């Protein structure tokens, strides 16, 4: 359930190139639904980089969970996988074609981090500040009053691909990852 004070969305997937593109589009559509359009490019870029790391490095499998939570004016995007090895920020060579993912996440986010998840996994996360204009405020007069609840389940955004030949209103962020 999505509430006005806290919003939450979870997507489980295999971090394969085609799925990474789909999740990027889901993240974009969900943020549009939450009226957080200014966060779309940075959130889509960050989640793409984190999922690319799962695809490239995670063992024993590529199963992961992407979670987005909007709470107290801050969007937190996290990716949980089944590999306990913690990522390391690298200094990529000038002409290297990889190795900049976490540095890019750090550059576009307010904060980021990693924490172990159980015995066999980890969660890598980043936060983005949500502008006060984009986050509905609850009036102090509404306390104790029933809040209208959307009839949608989390991540049910009604997202439909644009018709062929037509560009969507907000194009998703591009990445080196195909999909």
C-alpha atoms as a PDB file:
ATOM      1  CA  UNK A   1       0.000   0.000   0.000  1.00  0.00           C
ATOM      2  CA  UNK A   2       1.212   3.510  -0.794  1.00  0.00           C
ATOM      3  CA  UNK A   3       0.512   6.177   1.800  1.00  0.00           C
ATOM      4  CA  UNK A   4       0.988   9.915   1.694  1.00  0.00           C
ATOM      5  CA  UNK A   5       3.590   9.952   4.500  1.00  0.00           C
ATOM      6  CA  UNK A   6       5.697   7.099   3.152  1.00  0.00           C
ATOM      7  CA  UNK A   7       5.835   5.610  -0.304  1.00  0.00           C
ATOM      8  CA  UNK A   8       7.416   2.287  -1.107  1.00  0.00           C
ATOM      9  CA  UNK A   9       8.080   0.215  -4.249  1.00  0.00           C
ATOM     10  CA  UNK A  10       9.902  -3.115  -4.607  1.00  0.00           C
ATOM     11  CA  UNK A  11      10.940  -4.994  -7.750  1.00  0.00           C
ATOM     12  CA  UNK A  12      12.592  -8.433  -7.747  1.00  0.00           C
ATOM     13  CA  UNK A  13      14.588  -9.465 -10.802  1.00  0.00           C
ATOM     14  CA  UNK A  14      17.574 -11.174 -12.364  1.00  0.00           C
ATOM     15  CA  UNK A  15      20.151  -8.462 -13.142  1.00  0.00           C
ATOM     16  CA  UNK A  16      20.424  -9.173 -16.841  1.00  0.00           C
ATOM     17  CA  UNK A  17      20.919  -6.364 -19.377  1.00  0.00           C
ATOM     18  CA  UNK A  18      17.350  -6.575 -20.725  1.00  0.00           C
ATOM     19  CA  UNK A  19      15.880  -6.530 -17.211  1.00  0.00           C
ATOM     20  CA  UNK A  20      18.056  -3.577 -16.163  1.00  0.00           C
ATOM     21  CA  UNK A  21      16.464  -1.471 -18.896  1.00  0.00           C
ATOM     22  CA  UNK A  22      12.991  -2.550 -17.774  1.00  0.00           C
ATOM     23  CA  UNK A  23      13.695  -1.655 -14.151  1.00  0.00           C
ATOM     24  CA  UNK A  24      15.073   1.723 -15.213  1.00  0.00           C
ATOM     25  CA  UNK A  25      11.760   2.372 -16.971  1.00  0.00           C
ATOM     26  CA  UNK A  26       9.786   1.167 -13.927  1.00  0.00           C
ATOM     27  CA  UNK A  27      11.758   3.515 -11.659  1.00  0.00           C
ATOM     28  CA  UNK A  28      11.081   6.411 -14.035  1.00  0.00           C
ATOM     29  CA  UNK A  29       7.370   5.627 -14.258  1.00  0.00           C
ATOM     30  CA  UNK A  30       7.031   5.223 -10.482  1.00  0.00           C
ATOM     31  CA  UNK A  31       8.707   8.567  -9.827  1.00  0.00           C
ATOM     32  CA  UNK A  32       6.398  10.217 -12.376  1.00  0.00           C
ATOM     33  CA  UNK A  33       3.435   8.641 -10.571  1.00  0.00           C
ATOM     34  CA  UNK A  34       4.727  10.058  -7.276  1.00  0.00           C
ATOM     35  CA  UNK A  35       5.185  13.474  -8.992  1.00  0.00           C
ATOM     36  CA  UNK A  36       8.952  13.368  -8.440  1.00  0.00           C
ATOM     37  CA  UNK A  37       9.925  14.062 -12.049  1.00  0.00           C
ATOM     38  CA  UNK A  38      13.043  16.088 -11.077  1.00  0.00           C
ATOM     39  CA  UNK A  39      14.554  12.906  -9.556  1.00  0.00           C
ATOM     40  CA  UNK A  40      14.031  10.621 -12.549  1.00  0.00           C
ATOM     41  CA  UNK A  41      17.361  11.041 -14.331  1.00  0.00           C
ATOM     42  CA  UNK A  42      19.523  10.695 -11.215  1.00  0.00           C
ATOM     43  CA  UNK A  43      17.505   7.782  -9.788  1.00  0.00           C
ATOM     44  CA  UNK A  44      17.480   5.932 -13.120  1.00  0.00           C
ATOM     45  CA  UNK A  45      21.229   6.447 -13.555  1.00  0.00           C
ATOM     46  CA  UNK A  46      21.963   5.298  -9.996  1.00  0.00           C
ATOM     47  CA  UNK A  47      19.811   2.173 -10.178  1.00  0.00           C
ATOM     48  CA  UNK A  48      21.281   1.319 -13.597  1.00  0.00           C
ATOM     49  CA  UNK A  49      24.811   1.505 -12.221  1.00  0.00           C
ATOM     50  CA  UNK A  50      23.963  -0.597  -9.145  1.00  0.00           C
ATOM     51  CA  UNK A  51      22.201  -3.247 -11.239  1.00  0.00           C
ATOM     52  CA  UNK A  52      25.104  -3.278 -13.703  1.00  0.00           C
ATOM     53  CA  UNK A  53      27.413  -4.057 -10.776  1.00  0.00           C
ATOM     54  CA  UNK A  54      25.171  -6.969  -9.757  1.00  0.00           C
ATOM     55  CA  UNK A  55      25.190  -8.245 -13.340  1.00  0.00           C
ATOM     56  CA  UNK A  56      28.951  -7.934 -13.607  1.00  0.00           C
ATOM     57  CA  UNK A  57      30.146  -8.990 -10.149  1.00  0.00           C
ATOM     58  CA  UNK A  58      27.497 -10.794  -8.060  1.00  0.00           C
ATOM     59  CA  UNK A  59      27.937 -14.462  -7.289  1.00  0.00           C
ATOM     60  CA  UNK A  60      26.480 -17.089  -6.953  1.00  0.00           C
ATOM     61  CA  UNK A  61      23.536 -15.674  -8.921  1.00  0.00           C
ATOM     62  CA  UNK A  62      22.158 -12.435 -10.371  1.00  0.00           C
ATOM     63  CA  UNK A  63      18.972 -12.370  -8.245  1.00  0.00           C
ATOM     64  CA  UNK A  64      18.367  -9.013  -6.639  1.00  0.00           C
ATOM     65  CA  UNK A  65      15.720  -6.707  -5.252  1.00  0.00           C
ATOM     66  CA  UNK A  66      15.390  -3.017  -6.080  1.00  0.00           C
ATOM     67  CA  UNK A  67      13.607  -0.969  -3.468  1.00  0.00           C
ATOM     68  CA  UNK A  68      12.547   2.669  -3.561  1.00  0.00           C
ATOM     69  CA  UNK A  69      11.245   4.432  -0.493  1.00  0.00           C
ATOM     70  CA  UNK A  70      10.167   8.023  -0.132  1.00  0.00           C
ATOM     71  CA  UNK A  71      10.194   9.021   3.505  1.00  0.00           C
ATOM     72  CA  UNK A  72      10.443  12.452   5.112  1.00  0.00           C
ATOM     73  CA  UNK A  73      11.398  14.230   1.890  1.00  0.00           C
ATOM     74  CA  UNK A  74      14.159  11.813   0.931  1.00  0.00           C
ATOM     75  CA  UNK A  75      14.119   9.116  -1.730  1.00  0.00           C
ATOM     76  CA  UNK A  76      16.220   6.053  -0.906  1.00  0.00           C
ATOM     77  CA  UNK A  77      16.955   3.607  -3.711  1.00  0.00           C
ATOM     78  CA  UNK A  78      18.591   0.316  -2.761  1.00  0.00           C
ATOM     79  CA  UNK A  79      19.679  -2.878  -4.487  1.00  0.00           C
ATOM     80  CA  UNK A  80      20.006  -6.059  -2.423  1.00  0.00           C
ATOM     81  CA  UNK A  81      21.852  -9.062  -3.865  1.00  0.00           C
ATOM     82  CA  UNK A  82      23.117 -12.445  -2.649  1.00  0.00           C
ATOM     83  CA  UNK A  83      26.846 -11.729  -2.780  1.00  0.00           C
ATOM     84  CA  UNK A  84      28.431 -10.822   0.590  1.00  0.00           C
ATOM     85  CA  UNK A  85      31.450  -9.119  -1.012  1.00  0.00           C
ATOM     86  CA  UNK A  86      31.256  -5.371  -0.487  1.00  0.00           C
ATOM     87  CA  UNK A  87      31.889  -3.097  -3.489  1.00  0.00           C
ATOM     88  CA  UNK A  88      34.969  -0.908  -3.720  1.00  0.00           C
ATOM     89  CA  UNK A  89      35.100   2.517  -5.355  1.00  0.00           C
ATOM     90  CA  UNK A  90      37.819   2.394  -8.010  1.00  0.00           C
ATOM     91  CA  UNK A  91      39.943   5.029  -9.655  1.00  0.00           C
ATOM     92  CA  UNK A  92      39.304   4.144 -13.284  1.00  0.00           C
ATOM     93  CA  UNK A  93      41.962   4.755 -15.883  1.00  0.00           C
ATOM     94  CA  UNK A  94      41.295   7.664 -18.230  1.00  0.00           C
ATOM     95  CA  UNK A  95      40.211   5.489 -21.176  1.00  0.00           C
ATOM     96  CA  UNK A  96      38.746   2.587 -19.174  1.00  0.00           C
ATOM     97  CA  UNK A  97      35.269   1.482 -20.244  1.00  0.00           C
ATOM     98  CA  UNK A  98      34.218   0.382 -16.759  1.00  0.00           C
ATOM     99  CA  UNK A  99      34.984   1.007 -13.110  1.00  0.00           C
ATOM    100  CA  UNK A 100      33.177   4.329 -12.620  1.00  0.00           C
ATOM    101  CA  UNK A 101      29.751   3.092 -11.470  1.00  0.00           C
ATOM    102  CA  UNK A 102      30.012   3.784  -7.740  1.00  0.00           C
ATOM    103  CA  UNK A 103      31.782   7.074  -8.374  1.00  0.00           C
ATOM    104  CA  UNK A 104      28.859   8.090 -10.595  1.00  0.00           C
ATOM    105  CA  UNK A 105      26.360   7.032  -7.916  1.00  0.00           C
ATOM    106  CA  UNK A 106      28.283   9.132  -5.389  1.00  0.00           C
ATOM    107  CA  UNK A 107      28.339  12.093  -7.782  1.00  0.00           C
ATOM    108  CA  UNK A 108      24.588  12.158  -8.475  1.00  0.00           C
ATOM    109  CA  UNK A 109      23.342  11.299  -4.983  1.00  0.00           C
ATOM    110  CA  UNK A 110      23.142  13.064  -1.664  1.00  0.00           C
ATOM    111  CA  UNK A 111      24.656  10.048   0.099  1.00  0.00           C
ATOM    112  CA  UNK A 112      25.273   6.377  -0.558  1.00  0.00           C
ATOM    113  CA  UNK A 113      26.493   3.334   1.269  1.00  0.00           C
ATOM    114  CA  UNK A 114      26.571  -0.418   1.605  1.00  0.00           C
ATOM    115  CA  UNK A 115      25.633  -2.759   4.421  1.00  0.00           C
ATOM    116  CA  UNK A 116      25.689  -6.525   4.844  1.00  0.00           C
ATOM    117  CA  UNK A 117      22.331  -8.271   4.456  1.00  0.00           C
ATOM    118  CA  UNK A 118      22.158 -11.488   6.422  1.00  0.00           C
ATOM    119  CA  UNK A 119      25.018 -13.914   6.027  1.00  0.00           C
ATOM    120  CA  UNK A 120      25.029 -14.092   2.278  1.00  0.00           C
ATOM    121  CA  UNK A 121      24.240 -10.723   0.821  1.00  0.00           C
ATOM    122  CA  UNK A 122      24.486  -6.972   0.865  1.00  0.00           C
ATOM    123  CA  UNK A 123      22.446  -3.864   0.196  1.00  0.00           C
ATOM    124  CA  UNK A 124      23.912  -0.937  -1.750  1.00  0.00           C
ATOM    125  CA  UNK A 125      21.829   2.242  -1.452  1.00  0.00           C
ATOM    126  CA  UNK A 126      21.777   5.919  -2.331  1.00  0.00           C
ATOM    127  CA  UNK A 127      19.573   8.846  -1.354  1.00  0.00           C
ATOM    128  CA  UNK A 128      18.219  11.821  -3.251  1.00  0.00           C
ATOM    129  CA  UNK A 129      16.569  14.845  -1.650  1.00  0.00           C
ATOM    130  CA  UNK A 130      12.965  15.225  -2.754  1.00  0.00           C
ATOM    131  CA  UNK A 131      11.975  18.861  -3.209  1.00  0.00           C
ATOM    132  CA  UNK A 132       9.332  20.061  -0.794  1.00  0.00           C
ATOM    133  CA  UNK A 133       7.126  21.060  -3.734  1.00  0.00           C
ATOM    134  CA  UNK A 134       7.190  17.511  -5.101  1.00  0.00           C
ATOM    135  CA  UNK A 135       6.248  15.785  -1.843  1.00  0.00           C
ATOM    136  CA  UNK A 136       2.652  16.223  -0.674  1.00  0.00           C
ATOM    137  CA  UNK A 137       2.457  17.627   2.831  1.00  0.00           C
ATOM    138  CA  UNK A 138      -0.061  16.459   5.375  1.00  0.00           C
ATOM    139  CA  UNK A 139      -1.785  19.249   7.209  1.00  0.00           C
ATOM    140  CA  UNK A 140      -1.690  19.165  11.018  1.00  0.00           C
ATOM    141  CA  UNK A 141      -5.494  19.362  10.786  1.00  0.00           C
ATOM    142  CA  UNK A 142      -5.502  16.017   8.989  1.00  0.00           C
ATOM    143  CA  UNK A 143      -3.945  14.146  11.920  1.00  0.00           C
ATOM    144  CA  UNK A 144      -6.359  11.477  13.054  1.00  0.00           C
ATOM    145  CA  UNK A 145      -8.476  11.922   9.929  1.00  0.00           C
ATOM    146  CA  UNK A 146      -8.643   8.984   7.523  1.00  0.00           C
ATOM    147  CA  UNK A 147      -6.363   9.599   4.558  1.00  0.00           C
ATOM    148  CA  UNK A 148      -7.615   8.662   1.092  1.00  0.00           C
ATOM    149  CA  UNK A 149      -5.664   5.653  -0.107  1.00  0.00           C
ATOM    150  CA  UNK A 150      -4.841   5.088  -3.777  1.00  0.00           C
ATOM    151  CA  UNK A 151      -6.365   1.977  -5.277  1.00  0.00           C
ATOM    152  CA  UNK A 152      -3.025   0.984  -6.817  1.00  0.00           C
ATOM    153  CA  UNK A 153      -0.553  -1.539  -5.483  1.00  0.00           C
ATOM    154  CA  UNK A 154       3.111  -0.456  -5.152  1.00  0.00           C
ATOM    155  CA  UNK A 155       4.753  -0.190  -8.556  1.00  0.00           C
ATOM    156  CA  UNK A 156       1.418  -0.410 -10.389  1.00  0.00           C
ATOM    157  CA  UNK A 157       1.993   2.756 -12.362  1.00  0.00           C
ATOM    158  CA  UNK A 158      -0.038   1.988 -15.446  1.00  0.00           C
ATOM    159  CA  UNK A 159       3.207   2.449 -17.391  1.00  0.00           C
ATOM    160  CA  UNK A 160       2.768   1.690 -21.075  1.00  0.00           C
ATOM    161  CA  UNK A 161       5.559   1.890 -23.637  1.00  0.00           C
ATOM    162  CA  UNK A 162       5.266   4.767 -26.096  1.00  0.00           C
ATOM    163  CA  UNK A 163       3.861   3.955 -29.510  1.00  0.00           C
ATOM    164  CA  UNK A 164       6.497   3.235 -32.155  1.00  0.00           C
ATOM    165  CA  UNK A 165       7.897   6.363 -33.668  1.00  0.00           C
ATOM    166  CA  UNK A 166       6.778   8.536 -30.763  1.00  0.00           C
ATOM    167  CA  UNK A 167       9.174   9.618 -28.086  1.00  0.00           C
ATOM    168  CA  UNK A 168       7.926   9.381 -24.478  1.00  0.00           C
ATOM    169  CA  UNK A 169       7.440  12.669 -22.649  1.00  0.00           C
ATOM    170  CA  UNK A 170      10.417  11.939 -20.365  1.00  0.00           C
ATOM    171  CA  UNK A 171      13.061   9.728 -21.916  1.00  0.00           C
ATOM    172  CA  UNK A 172      14.846   7.434 -19.424  1.00  0.00           C
ATOM    173  CA  UNK A 173      18.489   8.080 -18.595  1.00  0.00           C
ATOM    174  CA  UNK A 174      20.951   6.415 -20.933  1.00  0.00           C
ATOM    175  CA  UNK A 175      23.730   4.158 -19.787  1.00  0.00           C
ATOM    176  CA  UNK A 176      26.473   2.007 -21.257  1.00  0.00           C
ATOM    177  CA  UNK A 177      24.305  -1.015 -20.415  1.00  0.00           C
ATOM    178  CA  UNK A 178      22.227  -2.253 -23.348  1.00  0.00           C
ATOM    179  CA  UNK A 179      18.505  -2.430 -22.724  1.00  0.00           C
END
